[in-house]
Amino acid sequence: MKTPEIFFDRKTVKLLRYIKWHPYDRLSDIQKKFGEFADSMLIINLCLADYLIAIKNDGAYTNFKDGNFVLFSDETFWVSPKGRKVLDDRFDRLWQWSIPTIISVAALIISIFK
């Protein structure tokens, strides 16, 4: 089975971040929070691409690579190391851009008022 390509827009990153900070939340809780955006197929695709890990009610990991694309409302999720890397990289890029910009703006303001 081919791994799906995931585009990480703001909503997808927000979903990953929510699951990172709320591990083991049930699918029903996630869908309450995100509404239609957190449909089962998006979460299954994130699991197939190894960004999320789904755990059944009995504690077994859900393997969607066998073609059984069924999620139950009591399944829980946590972010895999690959998903954490995506979140960490986005956070690092934010700081790599914002700190030099803040320093530059502060230097510009100081030079104007001198």
Protein backbone atom coordinates (compact mmCIF):
# COMPACT_ATOMS: atom_id res chain seq x y z
CA MET A 1 0.00 0.00 0.00
CA LYS A 2 1.27 3.44 -0.93
CA THR A 3 1.82 5.90 1.92
CA PRO A 4 -0.44 8.95 1.56
CA GLU A 5 1.16 12.34 1.09
CA ILE A 6 0.11 14.73 3.83
CA PHE A 7 -0.05 18.49 3.39
CA PHE A 8 0.47 20.21 6.72
CA ASP A 9 -1.70 23.29 6.75
CA ARG A 10 -2.55 25.16 9.94
CA LYS A 11 -5.49 22.95 10.81
CA THR A 12 -3.54 19.73 10.38
CA VAL A 13 -0.69 21.06 12.53
CA LYS A 14 -3.23 22.24 15.11
CA LEU A 15 -4.73 18.73 15.16
CA LEU A 16 -1.28 17.14 15.61
CA ARG A 17 -0.40 19.64 18.33
CA TYR A 18 -3.69 18.96 20.15
CA ILE A 19 -3.06 15.22 20.08
CA LYS A 20 0.52 15.78 21.25
CA TRP A 21 -0.66 17.71 24.32
CA HIS A 22 -3.71 15.47 24.90
CA PRO A 23 -2.37 11.96 24.37
CA TYR A 24 -4.81 9.12 24.57
CA ASP A 25 -7.84 11.29 23.79
CA ARG A 26 -10.61 9.30 22.20
CA LEU A 27 -11.65 9.87 18.60
CA SER A 28 -15.00 11.19 19.75
CA ASP A 29 -13.28 13.87 21.88
CA ILE A 30 -11.05 14.91 18.98
CA GLN A 31 -14.00 15.12 16.62
CA LYS A 32 -15.93 17.21 19.16
CA LYS A 33 -13.02 19.65 19.32
CA PHE A 34 -12.28 19.87 15.57
CA GLY A 35 -15.66 19.09 14.04
CA GLU A 36 -15.80 17.98 10.42
CA PHE A 37 -12.10 18.70 9.88
CA ALA A 38 -11.07 15.71 12.02
CA ASP A 39 -12.85 13.17 9.86
CA SER A 40 -11.83 9.56 10.11
CA MET A 41 -10.03 9.50 6.76
CA LEU A 42 -7.66 12.36 7.70
CA ILE A 43 -6.74 10.59 10.92
CA ILE A 44 -6.32 7.28 9.10
CA ASN A 45 -4.06 8.97 6.54
CA LEU A 46 -1.99 10.51 9.34
CA CYS A 47 -1.68 7.02 10.86
CA LEU A 48 -0.76 5.45 7.50
CA ALA A 49 1.95 8.06 7.00
CA ASP A 50 3.25 7.28 10.53
CA TYR A 51 2.50 10.71 12.04
CA LEU A 52 -0.07 9.30 14.49
CA ILE A 53 -0.47 6.00 16.26
CA ALA A 54 -3.94 4.64 16.95
CA ILE A 55 -4.64 2.34 19.86
CA LYS A 56 -7.73 0.17 20.11
CA ASN A 57 -9.82 -0.11 23.24
CA ASP A 58 -8.06 -3.39 24.18
CA GLY A 59 -4.60 -1.75 24.00
CA ALA A 60 -3.55 -3.17 20.62
CA TYR A 61 -2.16 -0.85 17.97
CA THR A 62 -4.34 -0.32 14.92
CA ASN A 63 -2.60 -1.23 11.69
CA PHE A 64 -4.35 0.39 8.77
CA LYS A 65 -1.82 -1.02 6.31
CA ASP A 66 -3.86 -4.20 6.12
CA GLY A 67 -6.64 -2.29 4.34
CA ASN A 68 -9.08 -2.25 7.26
CA PHE A 69 -9.95 1.46 7.39
CA VAL A 70 -12.34 1.47 10.34
CA LEU A 71 -12.06 3.78 13.34
CA PHE A 72 -14.22 3.46 16.41
CA SER A 73 -15.11 6.38 18.66
CA ASP A 74 -13.28 4.88 21.64
CA GLU A 75 -9.91 4.51 19.89
CA THR A 76 -7.15 6.72 21.26
CA PHE A 77 -4.19 8.40 19.56
CA TRP A 78 -0.75 9.72 20.23
CA VAL A 79 1.80 11.46 18.06
CA SER A 80 4.64 9.31 16.77
CA PRO A 81 8.27 10.50 16.72
CA LYS A 82 7.82 11.38 13.04
CA GLY A 83 4.85 13.59 13.95
CA ARG A 84 6.80 15.21 16.78
CA LYS A 85 9.58 16.03 14.33
CA VAL A 86 7.10 17.87 12.10
CA LEU A 87 5.89 19.92 15.07
CA ASP A 88 9.41 20.61 16.33
CA ASP A 89 10.60 21.69 12.88
CA ARG A 90 7.70 24.14 12.53
CA PHE A 91 8.42 25.57 15.97
CA ASP A 92 12.13 25.93 15.19
CA ARG A 93 11.39 27.71 11.90
CA LEU A 94 9.11 30.12 13.72
CA TRP A 95 11.84 31.10 16.17
CA GLN A 96 14.54 31.24 13.49
CA TRP A 97 12.45 33.84 11.69
CA SER A 98 10.94 35.79 14.58
CA ILE A 99 13.98 36.41 16.82
CA PRO A 100 16.11 38.10 14.10
CA THR A 101 13.07 40.09 12.97
CA ILE A 102 12.38 41.34 16.50
CA ILE A 103 16.04 42.30 16.94
CA SER A 104 16.04 44.15 13.61
CA VAL A 105 12.86 46.05 14.41
CA ALA A 106 14.20 46.98 17.85
CA ALA A 107 17.47 48.21 16.31
CA LEU A 108 15.55 50.24 13.74
CA ILE A 109 13.38 51.87 16.41
CA ILE A 110 16.43 52.67 18.57
CA SER A 111 18.27 54.19 15.59
CA ILE A 112 15.27 56.36 14.70
CA PHE A 113 14.98 57.82 18.20
CA LYS A 114 18.73 58.45 18.66
